[in-house]
Amino acid sequence: MNASPKPTLLILCTGNSCRSHLAEGLLRAAAGDLFDVQSAGSKPAGYVHPLAISVMAEIGIDISGHTSKPMTQFLGQPVESVITVCGNADQVCPVYPGQMNRHHWPFDDPAHATGTETEKLAVFRRVRDEIRAVFGAYAAGRRDEAKRITAR
């Protein structure tokens, strides 16, 4: 159960090994003071992809302690917003208690990258940077919204 006074934002993908962890780490860095940011998967892989950990470390964000979790783990607690980052998770996403927002922002799955280690890293970096742009804008918008609410 989430004992945090901050609203929970849940980021979902299928395996909860790459995209959702990239997004979780980036959103925590951008807005972790406003939200309890979590991620989960519809069919959790059971691990966080080592290249996801590596490309996040390159930008100073440590996700090495993240774990792959099932989305059902969050069914008994309030979730303010759900963000799906792949089509499969979007199709099977349940409605959570207290859910006010749902967004679907799909990204390529870097776990499917092929080629050399350098080529795979390039795909992970591209997806990380795409996620950073989208989730950074989202965090900025939510910060602006919070300022407007507190200014009333």
N, C-alpha and C. Protein backbone atom coordinates (compact mmCIF):
# COMPACT_ATOMS: atom_id res chain seq x y z
N MET A 1 0.83 -1.20 0.00
CA MET A 1 0.00 0.00 0.00
C MET A 1 0.87 1.25 0.00
N ASN A 2 0.39 2.26 -0.64
CA ASN A 2 1.09 3.54 -0.73
C ASN A 2 0.70 4.41 0.46
N ALA A 3 1.66 4.70 1.33
CA ALA A 3 1.39 5.54 2.48
C ALA A 3 1.77 6.99 2.20
N SER A 4 2.21 7.26 0.98
CA SER A 4 2.66 8.59 0.61
C SER A 4 1.49 9.55 0.51
N PRO A 5 1.67 10.80 0.99
CA PRO A 5 0.61 11.78 0.84
C PRO A 5 0.54 12.31 -0.60
N LYS A 6 1.55 12.01 -1.40
CA LYS A 6 1.57 12.46 -2.79
C LYS A 6 0.71 11.52 -3.63
N PRO A 7 0.02 12.06 -4.64
CA PRO A 7 -0.75 11.18 -5.52
C PRO A 7 0.17 10.25 -6.30
N THR A 8 -0.31 9.03 -6.55
CA THR A 8 0.46 8.05 -7.29
C THR A 8 0.22 8.19 -8.79
N LEU A 9 1.31 8.20 -9.54
CA LEU A 9 1.28 8.11 -11.00
C LEU A 9 1.86 6.77 -11.36
N LEU A 10 1.11 5.97 -12.11
CA LEU A 10 1.53 4.62 -12.46
C LEU A 10 1.80 4.55 -13.96
N ILE A 11 3.01 4.13 -14.31
CA ILE A 11 3.41 4.00 -15.70
C ILE A 11 3.40 2.51 -16.04
N LEU A 12 2.66 2.14 -17.08
CA LEU A 12 2.49 0.74 -17.43
C LEU A 12 3.03 0.42 -18.81
N CYS A 13 3.66 -0.75 -18.92
CA CYS A 13 3.98 -1.34 -20.21
C CYS A 13 3.79 -2.84 -20.06
N THR A 14 4.14 -3.59 -21.06
CA THR A 14 3.91 -5.03 -21.00
C THR A 14 4.87 -5.70 -20.03
N GLY A 15 6.17 -5.62 -20.31
CA GLY A 15 7.15 -6.36 -19.53
C GLY A 15 7.69 -5.66 -18.30
N ASN A 16 7.49 -4.36 -18.20
CA ASN A 16 8.04 -3.57 -17.09
C ASN A 16 9.53 -3.86 -16.92
N SER A 17 10.24 -3.82 -18.08
CA SER A 17 11.69 -4.03 -18.02
C SER A 17 12.47 -2.88 -18.65
N CYS A 18 11.84 -2.09 -19.53
CA CYS A 18 12.57 -1.02 -20.22
C CYS A 18 11.83 0.31 -20.18
N ARG A 19 10.84 0.47 -21.09
CA ARG A 19 10.20 1.77 -21.27
C ARG A 19 9.59 2.34 -20.00
N SER A 20 8.87 1.51 -19.27
CA SER A 20 8.22 2.02 -18.06
C SER A 20 9.25 2.42 -17.01
N HIS A 21 10.37 1.73 -16.95
CA HIS A 21 11.42 2.10 -15.99
C HIS A 21 12.16 3.35 -16.42
N LEU A 22 12.38 3.51 -17.73
CA LEU A 22 12.96 4.76 -18.21
C LEU A 22 12.05 5.92 -17.83
N ALA A 23 10.75 5.76 -18.10
CA ALA A 23 9.78 6.81 -17.80
C ALA A 23 9.67 7.06 -16.29
N GLU A 24 9.66 6.00 -15.50
CA GLU A 24 9.58 6.15 -14.05
C GLU A 24 10.77 6.95 -13.52
N GLY A 25 11.98 6.57 -13.95
CA GLY A 25 13.17 7.28 -13.50
C GLY A 25 13.18 8.74 -13.92
N LEU A 26 12.79 8.99 -15.16
CA LEU A 26 12.78 10.37 -15.67
C LEU A 26 11.71 11.20 -14.99
N LEU A 27 10.52 10.64 -14.79
CA LEU A 27 9.45 11.40 -14.15
C LEU A 27 9.74 11.63 -12.67
N ARG A 28 10.34 10.66 -12.02
CA ARG A 28 10.75 10.87 -10.62
C ARG A 28 11.75 12.03 -10.53
N ALA A 29 12.70 12.06 -11.46
CA ALA A 29 13.70 13.12 -11.46
C ALA A 29 13.05 14.49 -11.73
N ALA A 30 12.03 14.52 -12.58
CA ALA A 30 11.40 15.77 -12.97
C ALA A 30 10.28 16.22 -12.02
N ALA A 31 9.61 15.27 -11.36
CA ALA A 31 8.44 15.64 -10.56
C ALA A 31 8.23 14.74 -9.35
N GLY A 32 9.30 14.10 -8.86
CA GLY A 32 9.16 13.21 -7.72
C GLY A 32 8.75 13.91 -6.44
N ASP A 33 8.91 15.22 -6.40
CA ASP A 33 8.45 15.96 -5.23
C ASP A 33 6.93 16.14 -5.25
N LEU A 34 6.32 16.03 -6.44
CA LEU A 34 4.87 16.19 -6.57
C LEU A 34 4.11 14.87 -6.54
N PHE A 35 4.76 13.81 -7.00
CA PHE A 35 4.07 12.53 -7.19
C PHE A 35 4.88 11.36 -6.67
N ASP A 36 4.17 10.31 -6.31
CA ASP A 36 4.77 9.02 -6.04
C ASP A 36 4.73 8.28 -7.38
N VAL A 37 5.86 8.23 -8.07
CA VAL A 37 5.92 7.66 -9.41
C VAL A 37 6.28 6.17 -9.30
N GLN A 38 5.47 5.33 -9.92
CA GLN A 38 5.66 3.89 -9.91
C GLN A 38 5.53 3.35 -11.33
N SER A 39 6.02 2.14 -11.56
CA SER A 39 5.80 1.49 -12.84
C SER A 39 5.47 0.03 -12.61
N ALA A 40 4.80 -0.56 -13.60
CA ALA A 40 4.43 -1.97 -13.53
C ALA A 40 4.17 -2.48 -14.94
N GLY A 41 3.91 -3.79 -15.03
CA GLY A 41 3.67 -4.39 -16.33
C GLY A 41 2.49 -5.33 -16.33
N SER A 42 1.90 -5.51 -17.51
CA SER A 42 0.79 -6.45 -17.64
C SER A 42 1.31 -7.89 -17.61
N LYS A 43 2.54 -8.10 -18.10
CA LYS A 43 3.21 -9.41 -18.04
C LYS A 43 4.66 -9.14 -17.66
N PRO A 44 4.93 -8.86 -16.38
CA PRO A 44 6.27 -8.44 -15.96
C PRO A 44 7.36 -9.45 -16.34
N ALA A 45 8.45 -8.91 -16.85
CA ALA A 45 9.59 -9.74 -17.28
C ALA A 45 10.35 -10.31 -16.10
N GLY A 46 10.25 -9.66 -14.95
CA GLY A 46 10.95 -10.15 -13.77
C GLY A 46 12.32 -9.53 -13.57
N TYR A 47 12.70 -8.60 -14.45
CA TYR A 47 14.00 -7.93 -14.33
C TYR A 47 13.92 -6.57 -15.01
N VAL A 48 14.87 -5.70 -14.70
CA VAL A 48 15.02 -4.43 -15.40
C VAL A 48 16.19 -4.62 -16.36
N HIS A 49 15.97 -4.28 -17.61
CA HIS A 49 16.97 -4.51 -18.66
C HIS A 49 18.27 -3.78 -18.33
N PRO A 50 19.41 -4.48 -18.39
CA PRO A 50 20.69 -3.85 -18.06
C PRO A 50 21.02 -2.63 -18.91
N LEU A 51 20.60 -2.62 -20.19
CA LEU A 51 20.88 -1.45 -21.02
C LEU A 51 20.01 -0.25 -20.62
N ALA A 52 18.83 -0.50 -20.08
CA ALA A 52 18.00 0.59 -19.56
C ALA A 52 18.71 1.22 -18.36
N ILE A 53 19.23 0.38 -17.49
CA ILE A 53 19.98 0.87 -16.32
C ILE A 53 21.19 1.68 -16.79
N SER A 54 21.87 1.17 -17.79
CA SER A 54 23.09 1.82 -18.30
C SER A 54 22.82 3.20 -18.91
N VAL A 55 21.79 3.29 -19.77
CA VAL A 55 21.55 4.59 -20.43
C VAL A 55 20.99 5.62 -19.45
N MET A 56 20.33 5.18 -18.40
CA MET A 56 19.86 6.12 -17.38
C MET A 56 21.04 6.61 -16.54
N ALA A 57 21.98 5.72 -16.24
CA ALA A 57 23.18 6.11 -15.49
C ALA A 57 23.97 7.18 -16.25
N GLU A 58 23.95 7.09 -17.59
CA GLU A 58 24.64 8.08 -18.41
C GLU A 58 24.14 9.50 -18.16
N ILE A 59 22.87 9.63 -17.77
CA ILE A 59 22.31 10.98 -17.52
C ILE A 59 22.11 11.23 -16.02
N GLY A 60 22.76 10.42 -15.20
CA GLY A 60 22.77 10.65 -13.77
C GLY A 60 21.55 10.17 -13.01
N ILE A 61 20.78 9.24 -13.59
CA ILE A 61 19.60 8.70 -12.91
C ILE A 61 19.82 7.21 -12.66
N ASP A 62 19.76 6.81 -11.39
CA ASP A 62 20.01 5.42 -11.00
C ASP A 62 18.70 4.66 -10.88
N ILE A 63 18.48 3.72 -11.79
CA ILE A 63 17.29 2.87 -11.70
C ILE A 63 17.69 1.43 -11.38
N SER A 64 18.92 1.23 -10.91
CA SER A 64 19.40 -0.13 -10.64
C SER A 64 18.63 -0.81 -9.51
N GLY A 65 17.96 -0.04 -8.67
CA GLY A 65 17.18 -0.63 -7.59
C GLY A 65 15.72 -0.89 -7.96
N HIS A 66 15.34 -0.55 -9.18
CA HIS A 66 13.95 -0.79 -9.62
C HIS A 66 13.71 -2.28 -9.77
N THR A 67 12.46 -2.69 -9.61
CA THR A 67 12.08 -4.08 -9.82
C THR A 67 10.90 -4.15 -10.78
N SER A 68 10.78 -5.27 -11.46
CA SER A 68 9.68 -5.51 -12.39
C SER A 68 8.48 -6.01 -11.58
N LYS A 69 7.35 -5.29 -11.69
CA LYS A 69 6.18 -5.58 -10.86
C LYS A 69 4.93 -5.77 -11.71
N PRO A 70 3.97 -6.57 -11.24
CA PRO A 70 2.70 -6.71 -11.96
C PRO A 70 1.79 -5.52 -11.70
N MET A 71 1.02 -5.12 -12.71
CA MET A 71 0.12 -3.98 -12.55
C MET A 71 -0.97 -4.27 -11.52
N THR A 72 -1.26 -5.54 -11.28
CA THR A 72 -2.28 -5.89 -10.28
C THR A 72 -1.85 -5.52 -8.86
N GLN A 73 -0.56 -5.34 -8.66
CA GLN A 73 -0.03 -4.96 -7.34
C GLN A 73 -0.62 -3.63 -6.86
N PHE A 74 -1.09 -2.81 -7.79
CA PHE A 74 -1.57 -1.47 -7.45
C PHE A 74 -3.09 -1.37 -7.41
N LEU A 75 -3.79 -2.48 -7.62
CA LEU A 75 -5.25 -2.43 -7.68
C LEU A 75 -5.91 -2.03 -6.37
N GLY A 76 -5.27 -2.27 -5.23
CA GLY A 76 -5.88 -1.97 -3.95
C GLY A 76 -5.54 -0.60 -3.39
N GLN A 77 -4.94 0.26 -4.20
CA GLN A 77 -4.57 1.58 -3.69
C GLN A 77 -4.96 2.65 -4.69
N PRO A 78 -5.13 3.86 -4.22
CA PRO A 78 -5.50 4.95 -5.13
C PRO A 78 -4.37 5.29 -6.09
N VAL A 79 -4.72 5.42 -7.36
CA VAL A 79 -3.78 5.82 -8.40
C VAL A 79 -4.41 7.01 -9.12
N GLU A 80 -3.77 8.15 -9.02
CA GLU A 80 -4.34 9.37 -9.60
C GLU A 80 -4.28 9.38 -11.12
N SER A 81 -3.16 8.94 -11.67
CA SER A 81 -2.99 8.94 -13.13
C SER A 81 -2.29 7.66 -13.58
N VAL A 82 -2.74 7.15 -14.71
CA VAL A 82 -2.11 5.99 -15.33
C VAL A 82 -1.62 6.43 -16.70
N ILE A 83 -0.37 6.09 -16.99
CA ILE A 83 0.22 6.40 -18.29
C ILE A 83 0.73 5.09 -18.88
N THR A 84 0.18 4.71 -20.03
CA THR A 84 0.66 3.51 -20.71
C THR A 84 1.67 3.93 -21.78
N VAL A 85 2.74 3.15 -21.90
CA VAL A 85 3.80 3.48 -22.86
C VAL A 85 3.94 2.43 -23.96
N CYS A 86 2.95 1.51 -24.04
CA CYS A 86 2.90 0.56 -25.15
C CYS A 86 1.45 0.16 -25.39
N GLY A 87 1.18 -0.27 -26.60
CA GLY A 87 -0.19 -0.61 -26.98
C GLY A 87 -0.77 -1.78 -26.22
N ASN A 88 0.04 -2.80 -25.94
CA ASN A 88 -0.48 -3.96 -25.22
C ASN A 88 -0.97 -3.58 -23.84
N ALA A 89 -0.20 -2.79 -23.11
CA ALA A 89 -0.62 -2.38 -21.77
C ALA A 89 -1.86 -1.50 -21.83
N ASP A 90 -1.95 -0.66 -22.86
CA ASP A 90 -3.11 0.21 -23.00
C ASP A 90 -4.39 -0.62 -23.16
N GLN A 91 -4.30 -1.72 -23.90
CA GLN A 91 -5.47 -2.56 -24.16
C GLN A 91 -5.94 -3.32 -22.92
N VAL A 92 -5.04 -3.66 -22.02
CA VAL A 92 -5.42 -4.47 -20.86
C VAL A 92 -5.44 -3.68 -19.56
N CYS A 93 -5.26 -2.39 -19.63
CA CYS A 93 -5.15 -1.56 -18.43
C CYS A 93 -6.47 -1.50 -17.66
N PRO A 94 -6.45 -1.87 -16.39
CA PRO A 94 -7.66 -1.75 -15.58
C PRO A 94 -7.85 -0.30 -15.13
N VAL A 95 -8.99 -0.04 -14.52
CA VAL A 95 -9.23 1.26 -13.89
C VAL A 95 -8.88 1.09 -12.42
N TYR A 96 -8.08 2.01 -11.90
CA TYR A 96 -7.61 1.93 -10.52
C TYR A 96 -8.47 2.81 -9.61
N PRO A 97 -8.53 2.49 -8.31
CA PRO A 97 -9.31 3.31 -7.38
C PRO A 97 -8.82 4.76 -7.41
N GLY A 98 -9.75 5.68 -7.54
CA GLY A 98 -9.42 7.11 -7.51
C GLY A 98 -8.81 7.64 -8.79
N GLN A 99 -8.73 6.80 -9.83
CA GLN A 99 -8.08 7.23 -11.07
C GLN A 99 -8.82 8.39 -11.70
N MET A 100 -8.09 9.49 -11.92
CA MET A 100 -8.69 10.67 -12.54
C MET A 100 -8.19 10.87 -13.97
N ASN A 101 -6.99 10.38 -14.28
CA ASN A 101 -6.40 10.62 -15.60
C ASN A 101 -5.85 9.33 -16.18
N ARG A 102 -5.92 9.25 -17.51
CA ARG A 102 -5.29 8.15 -18.22
C ARG A 102 -4.72 8.69 -19.52
N HIS A 103 -3.46 8.39 -19.75
CA HIS A 103 -2.77 8.85 -20.95
C HIS A 103 -2.13 7.64 -21.62
N HIS A 104 -2.04 7.71 -22.94
CA HIS A 104 -1.36 6.65 -23.70
C HIS A 104 -0.34 7.30 -24.61
N TRP A 105 0.93 7.09 -24.29
CA TRP A 105 2.03 7.62 -25.08
C TRP A 105 2.94 6.46 -25.45
N PRO A 106 2.73 5.86 -26.62
CA PRO A 106 3.52 4.68 -27.00
C PRO A 106 4.93 5.04 -27.47
N PHE A 107 5.87 4.18 -27.14
CA PHE A 107 7.27 4.31 -27.55
C PHE A 107 7.74 2.96 -28.07
N ASP A 108 8.72 2.98 -28.97
CA ASP A 108 9.33 1.74 -29.44
C ASP A 108 9.92 0.99 -28.24
N ASP A 109 9.92 -0.33 -28.33
CA ASP A 109 10.49 -1.14 -27.26
C ASP A 109 11.97 -1.38 -27.56
N PRO A 110 12.86 -0.75 -26.80
CA PRO A 110 14.28 -0.93 -27.07
C PRO A 110 14.78 -2.35 -26.79
N ALA A 111 14.02 -3.12 -26.03
CA ALA A 111 14.42 -4.51 -25.76
C ALA A 111 14.45 -5.33 -27.03
N HIS A 112 13.77 -4.88 -28.08
CA HIS A 112 13.75 -5.59 -29.35
C HIS A 112 14.86 -5.14 -30.30
N ALA A 113 15.71 -4.24 -29.84
CA ALA A 113 16.81 -3.76 -30.68
C ALA A 113 17.74 -4.90 -31.04
N THR A 114 18.24 -4.86 -32.26
CA THR A 114 19.16 -5.90 -32.73
C THR A 114 20.47 -5.24 -33.15
N GLY A 115 21.45 -6.08 -33.38
CA GLY A 115 22.75 -5.58 -33.83
C GLY A 115 23.79 -5.68 -32.75
N THR A 116 24.83 -4.88 -32.93
CA THR A 116 25.92 -4.88 -31.96
C THR A 116 25.48 -4.19 -30.67
N GLU A 117 26.29 -4.32 -29.65
CA GLU A 117 26.01 -3.64 -28.37
C GLU A 117 25.89 -2.13 -28.59
N THR A 118 26.74 -1.58 -29.44
CA THR A 118 26.72 -0.14 -29.75
C THR A 118 25.41 0.24 -30.44
N GLU A 119 24.95 -0.60 -31.36
CA GLU A 119 23.68 -0.33 -32.07
C GLU A 119 22.50 -0.43 -31.11
N LYS A 120 22.53 -1.42 -30.23
CA LYS A 120 21.44 -1.55 -29.24
C LYS A 120 21.43 -0.35 -28.29
N LEU A 121 22.60 0.07 -27.83
CA LEU A 121 22.68 1.24 -26.96
C LEU A 121 22.12 2.47 -27.64
N ALA A 122 22.36 2.62 -28.93
CA ALA A 122 21.83 3.77 -29.67
C ALA A 122 20.30 3.77 -29.63
N VAL A 123 19.68 2.61 -29.75
CA VAL A 123 18.21 2.51 -29.69
C VAL A 123 17.73 2.86 -28.28
N PHE A 124 18.38 2.33 -27.26
CA PHE A 124 18.00 2.64 -25.88
C PHE A 124 18.13 4.14 -25.61
N ARG A 125 19.19 4.75 -26.11
CA ARG A 125 19.39 6.20 -25.90
C ARG A 125 18.30 7.00 -26.63
N ARG A 126 17.96 6.60 -27.84
CA ARG A 126 16.92 7.31 -28.60
C ARG A 126 15.58 7.24 -27.86
N VAL A 127 15.21 6.04 -27.43
CA VAL A 127 13.94 5.87 -26.72
C VAL A 127 13.97 6.64 -25.40
N ARG A 128 15.09 6.56 -24.68
CA ARG A 128 15.23 7.33 -23.43
C ARG A 128 15.00 8.82 -23.69
N ASP A 129 15.61 9.34 -24.74
CA ASP A 129 15.49 10.77 -25.03
C ASP A 129 14.09 11.15 -25.48
N GLU A 130 13.42 10.26 -26.22
CA GLU A 130 12.02 10.51 -26.60
C GLU A 130 11.13 10.53 -25.36
N ILE A 131 11.35 9.58 -24.47
CA ILE A 131 10.57 9.53 -23.22
C ILE A 131 10.87 10.77 -22.38
N ARG A 132 12.13 11.17 -22.32
CA ARG A 132 12.50 12.35 -21.53
C ARG A 132 11.77 13.59 -22.05
N ALA A 133 11.67 13.75 -23.36
CA ALA A 133 10.98 14.91 -23.93
C ALA A 133 9.49 14.91 -23.55
N VAL A 134 8.83 13.79 -23.71
CA VAL A 134 7.39 13.71 -23.45
C VAL A 134 7.10 13.85 -21.94
N PHE A 135 7.82 13.10 -21.13
CA PHE A 135 7.56 13.12 -19.69
C PHE A 135 8.06 14.41 -19.04
N GLY A 136 9.09 15.02 -19.61
CA GLY A 136 9.53 16.32 -19.12
C GLY A 136 8.47 17.38 -19.35
N ALA A 137 7.85 17.35 -20.54
CA ALA A 137 6.76 18.30 -20.83
C ALA A 137 5.56 18.03 -19.92
N TYR A 138 5.26 16.76 -19.69
CA TYR A 138 4.16 16.41 -18.79
C TYR A 138 4.43 16.93 -17.38
N ALA A 139 5.64 16.71 -16.88
CA ALA A 139 5.99 17.19 -15.54
C ALA A 139 5.89 18.71 -15.46
N ALA A 140 6.35 19.40 -16.49
CA ALA A 140 6.26 20.87 -16.50
C ALA A 140 4.81 21.33 -16.47
N GLY A 141 3.97 20.66 -17.23
CA GLY A 141 2.54 21.00 -17.23
C GLY A 141 1.89 20.75 -15.88
N ARG A 142 2.23 19.65 -15.25
CA ARG A 142 1.66 19.35 -13.94
C ARG A 142 2.17 20.33 -12.89
N ARG A 143 3.44 20.78 -13.01
CA ARG A 143 3.97 21.81 -12.10
C ARG A 143 3.20 23.12 -12.27
N ASP A 144 2.95 23.50 -13.52
CA ASP A 144 2.19 24.72 -13.78
C ASP A 144 0.78 24.61 -13.20
N GLU A 145 0.17 23.45 -13.37
CA GLU A 145 -1.17 23.21 -12.83
C GLU A 145 -1.16 23.34 -11.29
N ALA A 146 -0.17 22.76 -10.65
CA ALA A 146 -0.07 22.82 -9.19
C ALA A 146 0.12 24.28 -8.72
N LYS A 147 0.91 25.05 -9.44
CA LYS A 147 1.11 26.47 -9.09
C LYS A 147 -0.19 27.25 -9.21
N ARG A 148 -0.96 26.98 -10.27
CA ARG A 148 -2.26 27.67 -10.45
C ARG A 148 -3.22 27.34 -9.32
N ILE A 149 -3.22 26.08 -8.91
CA ILE A 149 -4.13 25.65 -7.85
C ILE A 149 -3.76 26.29 -6.52
N THR A 150 -2.46 26.35 -6.22
CA THR A 150 -2.04 26.93 -4.94
C THR A 150 -2.12 28.45 -4.95
N ALA A 151 -2.16 29.05 -6.14
CA ALA A 151 -2.27 30.53 -6.23
C ALA A 151 -3.70 31.01 -6.04
N ARG A 152 -4.66 30.11 -6.10
CA ARG A 152 -6.08 30.51 -5.95
C ARG A 152 -6.40 30.94 -4.56
